[in-house]
C-alpha atoms as a PDB file:
ATOM      1  CA  MET A   1      31.772  17.515  18.252  1.00  0.00           C
ATOM      2  CA  ALA A   2      28.831  19.630  19.294  1.00  0.00           C
ATOM      3  CA  ASP A   3      27.182  16.918  21.407  1.00  0.00           C
ATOM      4  CA  ALA A   4      29.536  17.119  24.385  1.00  0.00           C
ATOM      5  CA  PRO A   5      33.008  18.395  25.290  1.00  0.00           C
ATOM      6  CA  ALA A   6      35.686  15.765  24.666  1.00  0.00           C
ATOM      7  CA  ARG A   7      36.907  14.540  28.025  1.00  0.00           C
ATOM      8  CA  THR A   8      40.520  14.237  26.858  1.00  0.00           C
ATOM      9  CA  ASP A   9      40.642  17.781  25.470  1.00  0.00           C
ATOM     10  CA  ARG A  10      39.427  19.855  28.434  1.00  0.00           C
ATOM     11  CA  PRO A  11      42.268  21.618  30.291  1.00  0.00           C
ATOM     12  CA  VAL A  12      43.169  19.964  33.579  1.00  0.00           C
ATOM     13  CA  ARG A  13      46.197  21.619  35.183  1.00  0.00           C
ATOM     14  CA  ARG A  14      46.222  21.034  38.943  1.00  0.00           C
ATOM     15  CA  GLN A  15      48.922  18.472  39.714  1.00  0.00           C
ATOM     16  CA  LEU A  16      48.480  16.226  42.736  1.00  0.00           C
ATOM     17  CA  LEU A  17      50.509  13.557  44.501  1.00  0.00           C
ATOM     18  CA  VAL A  18      48.384  10.730  45.925  1.00  0.00           C
ATOM     19  CA  GLN A  19      49.097   7.385  47.520  1.00  0.00           C
ATOM     20  CA  VAL A  20      47.375   4.016  47.314  1.00  0.00           C
ATOM     21  CA  GLU A  21      45.290   3.180  50.397  1.00  0.00           C
ATOM     22  CA  GLU A  22      43.226   0.212  49.146  1.00  0.00           C
ATOM     23  CA  VAL A  23      43.389  -2.209  46.204  1.00  0.00           C
ATOM     24  CA  THR A  24      40.421  -4.444  45.327  1.00  0.00           C
ATOM     25  CA  GLN A  25      39.896  -6.825  42.402  1.00  0.00           C
ATOM     26  CA  ILE A  26      36.188  -6.260  41.686  1.00  0.00           C
ATOM     27  CA  THR A  27      35.919  -8.312  38.455  1.00  0.00           C
ATOM     28  CA  PRO A  28      38.460 -10.361  36.465  1.00  0.00           C
ATOM     29  CA  HIS A  29      39.215  -7.276  34.348  1.00  0.00           C
ATOM     30  CA  MET A  30      38.712  -4.401  36.773  1.00  0.00           C
ATOM     31  CA  VAL A  31      40.774  -3.241  39.745  1.00  0.00           C
ATOM     32  CA  ARG A  32      39.505  -0.600  42.176  1.00  0.00           C
ATOM     33  CA  ILE A  33      42.074   1.630  43.830  1.00  0.00           C
ATOM     34  CA  VAL A  34      41.340   4.069  46.635  1.00  0.00           C
ATOM     35  CA  PHE A  35      43.823   6.940  46.806  1.00  0.00           C
ATOM     36  CA  GLY A  36      44.466   9.247  49.721  1.00  0.00           C
ATOM     37  CA  GLY A  37      47.009  11.733  50.930  1.00  0.00           C
ATOM     38  CA  ALA A  38      47.437  15.434  51.604  1.00  0.00           C
ATOM     39  CA  GLY A  39      47.650  16.070  47.864  1.00  0.00           C
ATOM     40  CA  LEU A  40      43.867  15.657  47.712  1.00  0.00           C
ATOM     41  CA  ASP A  41      43.178  18.681  49.922  1.00  0.00           C
ATOM     42  CA  GLY A  42      40.632  20.779  48.065  1.00  0.00           C
ATOM     43  CA  PHE A  43      40.242  18.209  45.274  1.00  0.00           C
ATOM     44  CA  GLY A  44      36.808  19.599  44.479  1.00  0.00           C
ATOM     45  CA  ALA A  45      34.928  16.902  42.553  1.00  0.00           C
ATOM     46  CA  GLY A  46      31.176  17.041  42.814  1.00  0.00           C
ATOM     47  CA  ALA A  47      29.585  19.219  40.136  1.00  0.00           C
ATOM     48  CA  TYR A  48      29.645  16.467  37.493  1.00  0.00           C
ATOM     49  CA  SER A  49      29.031  12.738  37.554  1.00  0.00           C
ATOM     50  CA  ASP A  50      31.664  12.051  34.879  1.00  0.00           C
ATOM     51  CA  HIS A  51      34.546  13.731  36.707  1.00  0.00           C
ATOM     52  CA  TYR A  52      37.908  12.467  35.512  1.00  0.00           C
ATOM     53  CA  VAL A  53      41.584  12.734  36.374  1.00  0.00           C
ATOM     54  CA  LYS A  54      44.665  12.505  34.209  1.00  0.00           C
ATOM     55  CA  LEU A  55      47.194  10.059  35.588  1.00  0.00           C
ATOM     56  CA  GLN A  56      50.893  10.548  34.893  1.00  0.00           C
ATOM     57  CA  VAL A  57      52.356   7.051  34.779  1.00  0.00           C
ATOM     58  CA  PRO A  58      56.082   6.342  34.279  1.00  0.00           C
ATOM     59  CA  PRO A  59      56.528   3.796  31.448  1.00  0.00           C
ATOM     60  CA  PRO A  60      58.223   0.427  31.983  1.00  0.00           C
ATOM     61  CA  GLY A  61      61.964   0.907  32.352  1.00  0.00           C
ATOM     62  CA  ALA A  62      61.712   4.470  33.682  1.00  0.00           C
ATOM     63  CA  ASP A  63      64.388   5.368  36.225  1.00  0.00           C
ATOM     64  CA  TYR A  64      62.104   7.648  38.241  1.00  0.00           C
ATOM     65  CA  SER A  65      58.840   7.463  40.175  1.00  0.00           C
ATOM     66  CA  ALA A  66      56.328   9.881  41.683  1.00  0.00           C
ATOM     67  CA  PRO A  67      56.825  12.630  42.636  1.00  0.00           C
ATOM     68  CA  PHE A  68      58.641  14.010  39.587  1.00  0.00           C
ATOM     69  CA  ASP A  69      58.846  17.182  37.524  1.00  0.00           C
ATOM     70  CA  VAL A  70      57.326  16.463  34.109  1.00  0.00           C
ATOM     71  CA  GLU A  71      59.265  19.209  32.374  1.00  0.00           C
ATOM     72  CA  GLU A  72      62.547  18.054  33.911  1.00  0.00           C
ATOM     73  CA  ILE A  73      61.875  14.493  32.779  1.00  0.00           C
ATOM     74  CA  ARG A  74      61.112  15.638  29.245  1.00  0.00           C
ATOM     75  CA  ALA A  75      64.275  17.714  29.165  1.00  0.00           C
ATOM     76  CA  SER A  76      66.551  15.000  30.504  1.00  0.00           C
ATOM     77  CA  ARG A  77      65.166  11.689  29.150  1.00  0.00           C
ATOM     78  CA  PRO A  78      64.402  10.306  25.707  1.00  0.00           C
ATOM     79  CA  LYS A  79      60.753  10.467  24.683  1.00  0.00           C
ATOM     80  CA  GLU A  80      60.166   6.756  25.256  1.00  0.00           C
ATOM     81  CA  LEU A  81      60.838   7.352  28.980  1.00  0.00           C
ATOM     82  CA  TRP A  82      58.479  10.319  29.371  1.00  0.00           C
ATOM     83  CA  PRO A  83      55.480   9.782  31.672  1.00  0.00           C
ATOM     84  CA  ARG A  84      52.314   8.629  29.902  1.00  0.00           C
ATOM     85  CA  THR A  85      49.134  10.608  30.515  1.00  0.00           C
ATOM     86  CA  ARG A  86      46.022   8.446  30.862  1.00  0.00           C
ATOM     87  CA  THR A  87      42.488   9.673  31.566  1.00  0.00           C
ATOM     88  CA  TYR A  88      40.318   7.869  34.143  1.00  0.00           C
ATOM     89  CA  THR A  89      36.862   8.515  35.561  1.00  0.00           C
ATOM     90  CA  VAL A  90      36.409   9.320  39.232  1.00  0.00           C
ATOM     91  CA  ARG A  91      34.329   6.424  40.552  1.00  0.00           C
ATOM     92  CA  ALA A  92      33.831   8.125  43.903  1.00  0.00           C
ATOM     93  CA  TRP A  93      35.122  11.080  45.889  1.00  0.00           C
ATOM     94  CA  ASP A  94      34.802  11.185  49.677  1.00  0.00           C
ATOM     95  CA  ALA A  95      35.717  14.724  50.721  1.00  0.00           C
ATOM     96  CA  GLU A  96      35.362  13.978  54.445  1.00  0.00           C
ATOM     97  CA  ARG A  97      37.800  11.065  54.334  1.00  0.00           C
ATOM     98  CA  ARG A  98      39.842  12.660  51.535  1.00  0.00           C
ATOM     99  CA  GLN A  99      39.641   9.498  49.442  1.00  0.00           C
ATOM    100  CA  LEU A 100      39.522   9.249  45.656  1.00  0.00           C
ATOM    101  CA  THR A 101      38.320   5.979  44.093  1.00  0.00           C
ATOM    102  CA  VAL A 102      39.316   5.041  40.533  1.00  0.00           C
ATOM    103  CA  ASP A 103      38.417   1.799  38.724  1.00  0.00           C
ATOM    104  CA  PHE A 104      40.951   0.470  36.196  1.00  0.00           C
ATOM    105  CA  VAL A 105      40.176  -1.850  33.305  1.00  0.00           C
ATOM    106  CA  VAL A 106      43.010  -4.397  33.161  1.00  0.00           C
ATOM    107  CA  HIS A 107      43.774  -6.774  30.308  1.00  0.00           C
ATOM    108  CA  GLY A 108      47.083  -8.390  31.247  1.00  0.00           C
ATOM    109  CA  ASP A 109      50.130  -6.327  30.383  1.00  0.00           C
ATOM    110  CA  VAL A 110      48.351  -4.293  27.688  1.00  0.00           C
ATOM    111  CA  GLY A 111      48.701  -0.539  28.099  1.00  0.00           C
ATOM    112  CA  VAL A 112      50.350   1.482  30.840  1.00  0.00           C
ATOM    113  CA  ALA A 113      47.825   2.395  33.536  1.00  0.00           C
ATOM    114  CA  GLY A 114      46.148  -1.033  33.637  1.00  0.00           C
ATOM    115  CA  PRO A 115      49.367  -2.938  34.385  1.00  0.00           C
ATOM    116  CA  TRP A 116      50.314  -0.250  36.919  1.00  0.00           C
ATOM    117  CA  ALA A 117      46.998  -0.767  38.730  1.00  0.00           C
ATOM    118  CA  ALA A 118      47.317  -4.562  38.590  1.00  0.00           C
ATOM    119  CA  ALA A 119      50.667  -4.341  40.372  1.00  0.00           C
ATOM    120  CA  ALA A 120      49.774  -1.503  42.773  1.00  0.00           C
ATOM    121  CA  GLN A 121      50.292  -1.964  46.487  1.00  0.00           C
ATOM    122  CA  VAL A 122      49.236   0.065  49.499  1.00  0.00           C
ATOM    123  CA  GLY A 123      51.672   2.951  49.920  1.00  0.00           C
ATOM    124  CA  ASP A 124      52.530   3.323  46.227  1.00  0.00           C
ATOM    125  CA  GLN A 125      52.446   6.895  44.996  1.00  0.00           C
ATOM    126  CA  LEU A 126      50.977   8.278  41.797  1.00  0.00           C
ATOM    127  CA  GLN A 127      50.918  11.695  40.210  1.00  0.00           C
ATOM    128  CA  LEU A 128      47.746  13.040  38.610  1.00  0.00           C
ATOM    129  CA  GLN A 129      45.907  16.152  37.474  1.00  0.00           C
ATOM    130  CA  GLY A 130      42.285  17.061  37.931  1.00  0.00           C
ATOM    131  CA  PRO A 131      39.457  16.966  38.288  1.00  0.00           C
ATOM    132  CA  GLY A 132      37.687  17.785  35.026  1.00  0.00           C
ATOM    133  CA  GLY A 133      34.186  16.935  33.883  1.00  0.00           C
ATOM    134  CA  ALA A 134      31.262  17.896  31.673  1.00  0.00           C
ATOM    135  CA  TYR A 135      28.117  15.787  32.338  1.00  0.00           C
ATOM    136  CA  THR A 136      25.486  15.216  34.950  1.00  0.00           C
ATOM    137  CA  PRO A 137      21.995  13.765  34.372  1.00  0.00           C
ATOM    138  CA  ASP A 138      19.402  16.397  33.494  1.00  0.00           C
ATOM    139  CA  PRO A 139      16.838  16.330  36.330  1.00  0.00           C
ATOM    140  CA  ASP A 140      14.159  17.640  33.949  1.00  0.00           C
ATOM    141  CA  ALA A 141      14.455  14.782  31.434  1.00  0.00           C
ATOM    142  CA  ASP A 142      11.532  12.336  31.368  1.00  0.00           C
ATOM    143  CA  TRP A 143      13.928   9.393  31.196  1.00  0.00           C
ATOM    144  CA  HIS A 144      17.623   8.607  30.888  1.00  0.00           C
ATOM    145  CA  LEU A 145      19.734   6.368  28.655  1.00  0.00           C
ATOM    146  CA  MET A 146      23.308   5.318  29.463  1.00  0.00           C
ATOM    147  CA  VAL A 147      25.397   3.296  27.021  1.00  0.00           C
ATOM    148  CA  GLY A 148      28.996   2.128  27.172  1.00  0.00           C
ATOM    149  CA  ASP A 149      31.603  -0.549  27.891  1.00  0.00           C
ATOM    150  CA  PRO A 150      33.755  -1.408  30.937  1.00  0.00           C
ATOM    151  CA  SER A 151      35.637   1.890  30.702  1.00  0.00           C
ATOM    152  CA  VAL A 152      32.315   3.700  31.225  1.00  0.00           C
ATOM    153  CA  ILE A 153      30.945   1.665  34.137  1.00  0.00           C
ATOM    154  CA  PRO A 154      32.479   4.040  36.737  1.00  0.00           C
ATOM    155  CA  ALA A 155      30.844   7.098  35.148  1.00  0.00           C
ATOM    156  CA  ILE A 156      27.549   5.261  34.670  1.00  0.00           C
ATOM    157  CA  SER A 157      27.597   4.124  38.315  1.00  0.00           C
ATOM    158  CA  ALA A 158      28.277   7.649  39.558  1.00  0.00           C
ATOM    159  CA  SER A 159      25.597   9.078  37.252  1.00  0.00           C
ATOM    160  CA  LEU A 160      22.941   6.555  38.293  1.00  0.00           C
ATOM    161  CA  ALA A 161      23.147   7.888  41.833  1.00  0.00           C
ATOM    162  CA  ARG A 162      21.905  11.265  40.562  1.00  0.00           C
ATOM    163  CA  ILE A 163      18.811  10.055  38.717  1.00  0.00           C
ATOM    164  CA  PRO A 164      15.652  11.422  40.406  1.00  0.00           C
ATOM    165  CA  ALA A 165      13.709   8.847  42.391  1.00  0.00           C
ATOM    166  CA  GLY A 166      11.401   6.784  40.218  1.00  0.00           C
ATOM    167  CA  ARG A 167      12.592   8.317  36.941  1.00  0.00           C
ATOM    168  CA  PRO A 168      13.126   5.652  34.241  1.00  0.00           C
ATOM    169  CA  VAL A 169      16.765   4.977  33.357  1.00  0.00           C
ATOM    170  CA  ILE A 170      17.929   2.350  30.852  1.00  0.00           C
ATOM    171  CA  VAL A 171      21.546   1.145  30.896  1.00  0.00           C
ATOM    172  CA  LEU A 172      23.226  -0.916  28.155  1.00  0.00           C
ATOM    173  CA  VAL A 173      26.778  -2.053  28.851  1.00  0.00           C
ATOM    174  CA  GLN A 174      28.932  -4.237  26.616  1.00  0.00           C
ATOM    175  CA  VAL A 175      31.447  -6.420  28.497  1.00  0.00           C
ATOM    176  CA  ASP A 176      33.547  -9.483  27.672  1.00  0.00           C
ATOM    177  CA  GLY A 177      31.334 -11.934  29.556  1.00  0.00           C
ATOM    178  CA  PRO A 178      29.167 -12.556  32.641  1.00  0.00           C
ATOM    179  CA  ASP A 179      32.111 -12.358  35.050  1.00  0.00           C
ATOM    180  CA  ASP A 180      32.598  -8.708  34.101  1.00  0.00           C
ATOM    181  CA  GLU A 181      29.082  -7.653  35.072  1.00  0.00           C
ATOM    182  CA  GLN A 182      28.752  -5.459  38.167  1.00  0.00           C
ATOM    183  CA  PRO A 183      25.798  -4.605  40.410  1.00  0.00           C
ATOM    184  CA  LEU A 184      24.326  -1.210  39.496  1.00  0.00           C
ATOM    185  CA  GLN A 185      21.956   0.808  41.667  1.00  0.00           C
ATOM    186  CA  SER A 186      19.916   3.989  41.272  1.00  0.00           C
ATOM    187  CA  PRO A 187      17.076   5.881  42.941  1.00  0.00           C
ATOM    188  CA  GLY A 188      15.503   5.835  39.466  1.00  0.00           C
ATOM    189  CA  ALA A 189      13.476   3.036  37.908  1.00  0.00           C
ATOM    190  CA  LEU A 190      16.517   1.141  36.620  1.00  0.00           C
ATOM    191  CA  THR A 191      16.645  -1.324  33.716  1.00  0.00           C
ATOM    192  CA  VAL A 192      20.046  -2.869  32.905  1.00  0.00           C
ATOM    193  CA  ALA A 193      21.072  -4.990  29.917  1.00  0.00           C
ATOM    194  CA  TRP A 194      24.519  -6.589  29.851  1.00  0.00           C
ATOM    195  CA  LEU A 195      25.740  -7.414  26.334  1.00  0.00           C
ATOM    196  CA  HIS A 196      28.603  -9.888  25.869  1.00  0.00           C
ATOM    197  CA  GLY A 197      31.360  -9.853  23.243  1.00  0.00           C
ATOM    198  CA  ASP A 198      33.278  -7.117  21.487  1.00  0.00           C
ATOM    199  CA  ALA A 199      31.516  -6.587  18.139  1.00  0.00           C
ATOM    200  CA  GLN A 200      31.472  -2.896  17.256  1.00  0.00           C
ATOM    201  CA  ASP A 201      27.746  -2.755  16.361  1.00  0.00           C
ATOM    202  CA  THR A 202      26.459  -4.702  19.379  1.00  0.00           C
ATOM    203  CA  LEU A 203      25.280  -1.657  21.325  1.00  0.00           C
ATOM    204  CA  ALA A 204      23.680   0.025  18.311  1.00  0.00           C
ATOM    205  CA  ASP A 205      21.890  -3.187  17.380  1.00  0.00           C
ATOM    206  CA  ALA A 206      20.564  -3.569  20.916  1.00  0.00           C
ATOM    207  CA  LEU A 207      19.261  -0.016  20.847  1.00  0.00           C
ATOM    208  CA  ARG A 208      17.449  -0.630  17.567  1.00  0.00           C
ATOM    209  CA  ALA A 209      15.502  -3.415  19.252  1.00  0.00           C
ATOM    210  CA  LEU A 210      14.650  -1.283  22.279  1.00  0.00           C
ATOM    211  CA  GLU A 211      11.283   0.386  22.742  1.00  0.00           C
ATOM    212  CA  PHE A 212      11.976   3.847  24.089  1.00  0.00           C
ATOM    213  CA  PRO A 213       9.795   5.237  26.891  1.00  0.00           C
ATOM    214  CA  ALA A 214       7.650   8.259  26.121  1.00  0.00           C
ATOM    215  CA  GLY A 215       8.952  11.768  26.675  1.00  0.00           C
ATOM    216  CA  SER A 216      12.285  13.547  26.507  1.00  0.00           C
ATOM    217  CA  VAL A 217      15.500  11.595  27.046  1.00  0.00           C
ATOM    218  CA  HIS A 218      18.953  12.611  28.247  1.00  0.00           C
ATOM    219  CA  ALA A 219      21.487  10.137  26.838  1.00  0.00           C
ATOM    220  CA  PHE A 220      25.035   9.439  28.011  1.00  0.00           C
ATOM    221  CA  VAL A 221      26.976   7.542  25.304  1.00  0.00           C
ATOM    222  CA  HIS A 222      30.679   7.073  25.982  1.00  0.00           C
ATOM    223  CA  GLY A 223      33.273   4.373  25.384  1.00  0.00           C
ATOM    224  CA  GLU A 224      35.105   2.819  22.426  1.00  0.00           C
ATOM    225  CA  ALA A 225      35.108   5.240  19.495  1.00  0.00           C
ATOM    226  CA  GLY A 226      33.692   2.926  16.835  1.00  0.00           C
ATOM    227  CA  ALA A 227      30.816   1.737  19.015  1.00  0.00           C
ATOM    228  CA  VAL A 228      30.078   5.270  20.193  1.00  0.00           C
ATOM    229  CA  ARG A 229      29.914   6.530  16.617  1.00  0.00           C
ATOM    230  CA  ALA A 230      27.467   3.762  15.645  1.00  0.00           C
ATOM    231  CA  VAL A 231      25.220   4.523  18.627  1.00  0.00           C
ATOM    232  CA  ARG A 232      25.346   8.259  17.977  1.00  0.00           C
ATOM    233  CA  ARG A 233      24.382   7.715  14.346  1.00  0.00           C
ATOM    234  CA  HIS A 234      21.426   5.549  15.408  1.00  0.00           C
ATOM    235  CA  LEU A 235      20.161   8.011  18.007  1.00  0.00           C
ATOM    236  CA  LEU A 236      20.450  11.079  15.784  1.00  0.00           C
ATOM    237  CA  ALA A 237      19.759   9.744  12.294  1.00  0.00           C
ATOM    238  CA  GLU A 238      17.370   6.871  13.018  1.00  0.00           C
ATOM    239  CA  ARG A 239      15.665   7.937  16.243  1.00  0.00           C
ATOM    240  CA  GLY A 240      15.708  11.645  15.435  1.00  0.00           C
ATOM    241  CA  LEU A 241      16.929  12.781  18.850  1.00  0.00           C
ATOM    242  CA  PRO A 242      18.210  16.368  19.109  1.00  0.00           C
ATOM    243  CA  LYS A 243      21.965  16.733  19.618  1.00  0.00           C
ATOM    244  CA  GLU A 244      21.444  18.635  22.831  1.00  0.00           C
ATOM    245  CA  ALA A 245      19.856  15.509  24.334  1.00  0.00           C
ATOM    246  CA  LEU A 246      23.163  13.612  24.032  1.00  0.00           C
ATOM    247  CA  SER A 247      26.441  13.577  25.908  1.00  0.00           C
ATOM    248  CA  VAL A 248      28.763  11.708  23.513  1.00  0.00           C
ATOM    249  CA  SER A 249      32.481  10.991  23.718  1.00  0.00           C
ATOM    250  CA  GLY A 250      34.896   8.317  22.556  1.00  0.00           C
ATOM    251  CA  TYR A 251      37.019   7.435  25.580  1.00  0.00           C
ATOM    252  CA  TRP A 252      39.335   5.153  23.601  1.00  0.00           C
ATOM    253  CA  LYS A 253      39.846   3.530  20.208  1.00  0.00           C
ATOM    254  CA  ARG A 254      40.732  -0.037  19.366  1.00  0.00           C
ATOM    255  CA  GLU A 255      44.412  -0.625  18.592  1.00  0.00           C
ATOM    256  CA  ARG A 256      45.336   2.972  19.545  1.00  0.00           C
ATOM    257  CA  THR A 257      46.933   4.367  22.680  1.00  0.00           C
ATOM    258  CA  GLU A 258      45.374   7.437  24.266  1.00  0.00           C
ATOM    259  CA  ASP A 259      48.060   9.506  22.556  1.00  0.00           C
ATOM    260  CA  GLY A 260      47.194   8.007  19.171  1.00  0.00           C
ATOM    261  CA  TRP A 261      43.472   8.415  19.784  1.00  0.00           C
ATOM    262  CA  ARG A 262      44.019  12.092  20.580  1.00  0.00           C
ATOM    263  CA  GLU A 263      45.627  12.472  17.151  1.00  0.00           C
ATOM    264  CA  ASP A 264      42.738  10.618  15.468  1.00  0.00           C
ATOM    265  CA  LYS A 265      39.940  12.488  17.202  1.00  0.00           C
ATOM    266  CA  PRO A 266      39.551  15.482  14.842  1.00  0.00           C
ATOM    267  CA  GLU A 267      39.001  13.117  11.896  1.00  0.00           C
ATOM    268  CA  TRP A 268      36.623  10.985  13.969  1.00  0.00           C
ATOM    269  CA  ASN A 269      34.636  14.106  14.843  1.00  0.00           C
ATOM    270  CA  ARG A 270      34.439  15.040  11.168  1.00  0.00           C
ATOM    271  CA  LEU A 271      33.214  11.594  10.149  1.00  0.00           C
ATOM    272  CA  ALA A 272      30.711  11.457  12.989  1.00  0.00           C
ATOM    273  CA  GLU A 273      29.227  14.776  11.907  1.00  0.00           C
ATOM    274  CA  ALA A 274      29.076  13.535   8.303  1.00  0.00           C
ATOM    275  CA  ASP A 275      27.047  10.537   9.519  1.00  0.00           C
ATOM    276  CA  VAL A 276      24.104  12.814  10.266  1.00  0.00           C
ATOM    277  CA  ALA A 277      24.664  15.648   7.787  1.00  0.00           C
END
């Protein structure tokens, strides 16, 4: 898609071994983990506010743990025991303390990385690659729009810190309920709307009812693929925004693993482009 590079498709090759230093339950469905260790020397995040890492998580039943050689595992184990690659946003990077903070959405035992985070303890090790990234708020935009779901809160939080002082910024986030709301802060003139439930069109409907400020906007629209597509269609086809004003990416898709979503993405891109042809 022309709007923004797909976060799961950009090459990220540097492999790092990190260890858990802190674990905090910040909402009923989100766990914050602070990683440290010598593997983070020269980590290098900073240019973008949507930096991400690719975690390499052994699946349940695996007879190995970090550190491991991915190619050796693939050569010696059946595919169901290969490590799963999962993409997560960098919530914060402290170069002085050499600490990497990642927030994990957790819904029980669903998925691979979420359950790993829910069970993580100080001292546990994890293998990852990164960082990658593509977006940072345009300082020349008259105002900013950020739209997403719990998976996007870390990137939104990091991006809000880079909004110029006093610049209007509107945030719409769809979460399960009030307990999943988090405090958000920005030097900009911040307006936040928390939307509850999981209906696919909730975010697009909320945007339709929103009066946009005057001037040029830089929009960050990431999250579940169906909701992102609906918002993109509204902003381009109904609001008439130029594509270059948008950073758009589907982080995940309902009822699909990250591997399955990666397979679906070319067709999703085609359909999304057809929406505004």
